[in-house]
Amino acid sequence: MTKLRRELRAIIEKLVAASETSRQISLDALGQAIGVHAVSYAEVDAMISALEARNRRVEATTEGRGEEYLRAVVEAVRSLSRELGRRPSLAEIALRTRLSLDQVRHALLLARIMQR
């Protein structure tokens, strides 16, 4: 498991505190909390695992375009990985898909949730 940086642990603590009653955290809330912090796929995965370890359920919201964004992001990740010979950054994915960083994060978080 990826060890979380201090600022990401602080985000987890705020989300846990804010969800004390509902015990649920939306992908949108997680994405907004991450904000401008540069996070890797492994760190997002570790954050979700940390939230789940704290008895929180991370849920996809229904904005209606999540699956569309997910398809675009997956296609971009595959093609960029081939072109670059490495895993692309969030910024590279956003540029290729013409989605915002938040939309890319949301799609990746949705993929993570769907894998569970």
Protein backbone atom coordinates (compact mmCIF):
# COMPACT_ATOMS: atom_id res chain seq x y z
CA MET A 1 0.00 0.00 0.00
CA THR A 2 1.20 3.51 -0.82
CA LYS A 3 2.16 5.60 2.20
CA LEU A 4 0.19 8.82 2.10
CA ARG A 5 1.86 12.21 2.32
CA ARG A 6 0.94 14.50 5.21
CA GLU A 7 -1.34 16.74 3.12
CA LEU A 8 -3.25 13.71 1.81
CA ARG A 9 -3.63 12.31 5.32
CA ALA A 10 -5.06 15.69 6.35
CA ILE A 11 -7.60 15.45 3.51
CA ILE A 12 -8.62 11.99 4.74
CA GLU A 13 -9.12 13.33 8.27
CA LYS A 14 -11.32 16.19 7.04
CA LEU A 15 -13.42 13.85 4.91
CA VAL A 16 -13.83 11.40 7.78
CA ALA A 17 -14.91 14.18 10.12
CA ALA A 18 -17.34 15.63 7.59
CA SER A 19 -18.94 12.23 7.01
CA GLU A 20 -19.35 11.22 10.65
CA THR A 21 -23.12 10.94 10.38
CA SER A 22 -23.61 9.56 6.87
CA ARG A 23 -20.44 7.44 6.69
CA GLN A 24 -20.47 8.12 2.94
CA ILE A 25 -18.16 10.21 0.79
CA SER A 26 -18.93 11.01 -2.82
CA LEU A 27 -16.31 10.94 -5.53
CA ASP A 28 -17.07 14.59 -6.10
CA ALA A 29 -16.27 15.39 -2.45
CA LEU A 30 -13.03 13.42 -2.69
CA GLY A 31 -12.10 15.16 -5.95
CA GLN A 32 -12.87 18.59 -4.51
CA ALA A 33 -10.87 17.80 -1.38
CA ILE A 34 -7.89 16.72 -3.47
CA GLY A 35 -8.24 19.97 -5.42
CA VAL A 36 -4.96 21.18 -6.84
CA HIS A 37 -2.79 18.60 -5.09
CA ALA A 38 -0.89 16.46 -7.56
CA VAL A 39 -1.82 12.86 -6.79
CA SER A 40 -0.87 9.62 -8.46
CA TYR A 41 -3.17 6.73 -9.25
CA ALA A 42 -1.58 4.81 -6.38
CA GLU A 43 -2.23 7.69 -3.98
CA VAL A 44 -5.89 7.92 -5.01
CA ASP A 45 -6.19 4.19 -4.49
CA ALA A 46 -4.51 4.49 -1.08
CA MET A 47 -6.83 7.36 -0.11
CA ILE A 48 -9.91 5.33 -0.98
CA SER A 49 -8.53 2.37 0.96
CA ALA A 50 -7.80 4.63 3.95
CA LEU A 51 -11.34 5.99 3.87
CA GLU A 52 -12.79 2.50 3.66
CA ALA A 53 -10.58 1.40 6.55
CA ARG A 54 -12.21 4.21 8.54
CA ASN A 55 -15.67 2.75 7.84
CA ARG A 56 -16.54 5.15 5.03
CA ARG A 57 -18.17 4.19 1.76
CA VAL A 58 -16.88 6.05 -1.28
CA GLU A 59 -19.64 6.41 -3.86
CA ALA A 60 -19.92 7.59 -7.42
CA THR A 61 -22.33 10.45 -7.93
CA THR A 62 -24.71 10.50 -10.84
CA GLU A 63 -23.87 13.54 -12.90
CA GLY A 64 -24.87 11.57 -15.96
CA ARG A 65 -21.58 11.81 -17.82
CA GLY A 66 -19.33 9.71 -15.61
CA GLU A 67 -19.32 6.72 -17.94
CA GLU A 68 -18.67 8.96 -20.94
CA TYR A 69 -15.71 10.52 -19.16
CA LEU A 70 -14.49 7.11 -18.06
CA ARG A 71 -14.48 5.79 -21.64
CA ALA A 72 -12.57 8.86 -22.85
CA VAL A 73 -10.04 8.62 -20.02
CA VAL A 74 -9.45 4.88 -20.47
CA GLU A 75 -8.91 5.36 -24.21
CA ALA A 76 -6.53 8.26 -23.57
CA VAL A 77 -4.56 6.35 -20.92
CA ARG A 78 -4.12 3.40 -23.28
CA SER A 79 -3.00 5.46 -26.25
CA LEU A 80 -0.77 7.79 -24.22
CA SER A 81 0.84 4.82 -22.46
CA ARG A 82 1.76 3.34 -25.83
CA GLU A 83 3.00 6.68 -27.18
CA LEU A 84 4.96 7.72 -24.10
CA GLY A 85 6.15 4.30 -22.94
CA ARG A 86 4.96 5.15 -19.42
CA ARG A 87 1.80 5.89 -17.51
CA PRO A 88 0.55 9.39 -18.41
CA SER A 89 0.05 12.14 -15.86
CA LEU A 90 -3.36 13.54 -15.00
CA ALA A 91 -2.50 16.71 -16.91
CA GLU A 92 -1.58 14.71 -20.03
CA ILE A 93 -4.84 12.77 -19.82
CA ALA A 94 -6.82 15.99 -19.37
CA LEU A 95 -5.12 17.56 -22.37
CA ARG A 96 -5.80 14.53 -24.58
CA THR A 97 -9.45 14.17 -23.51
CA ARG A 98 -10.18 17.91 -23.25
CA LEU A 99 -11.60 17.24 -19.80
CA SER A 100 -10.77 19.22 -16.68
CA LEU A 101 -8.45 17.71 -14.09
CA ASP A 102 -11.47 17.25 -11.81
CA GLN A 103 -13.34 15.37 -14.54
CA VAL A 104 -10.31 13.12 -15.14
CA ARG A 105 -9.97 12.47 -11.40
CA HIS A 106 -13.68 11.70 -11.20
CA ALA A 107 -13.43 9.20 -14.06
CA LEU A 108 -10.42 7.49 -12.48
CA LEU A 109 -12.16 7.33 -9.12
CA LEU A 110 -15.23 5.90 -10.82
CA ALA A 111 -13.04 3.21 -12.41
CA ARG A 112 -11.59 2.43 -9.00
CA ILE A 113 -15.05 2.09 -7.46
CA MET A 114 -16.25 -0.11 -10.33
CA GLN A 115 -13.32 -2.49 -9.79
CA ARG A 116 -14.43 -3.26 -6.25
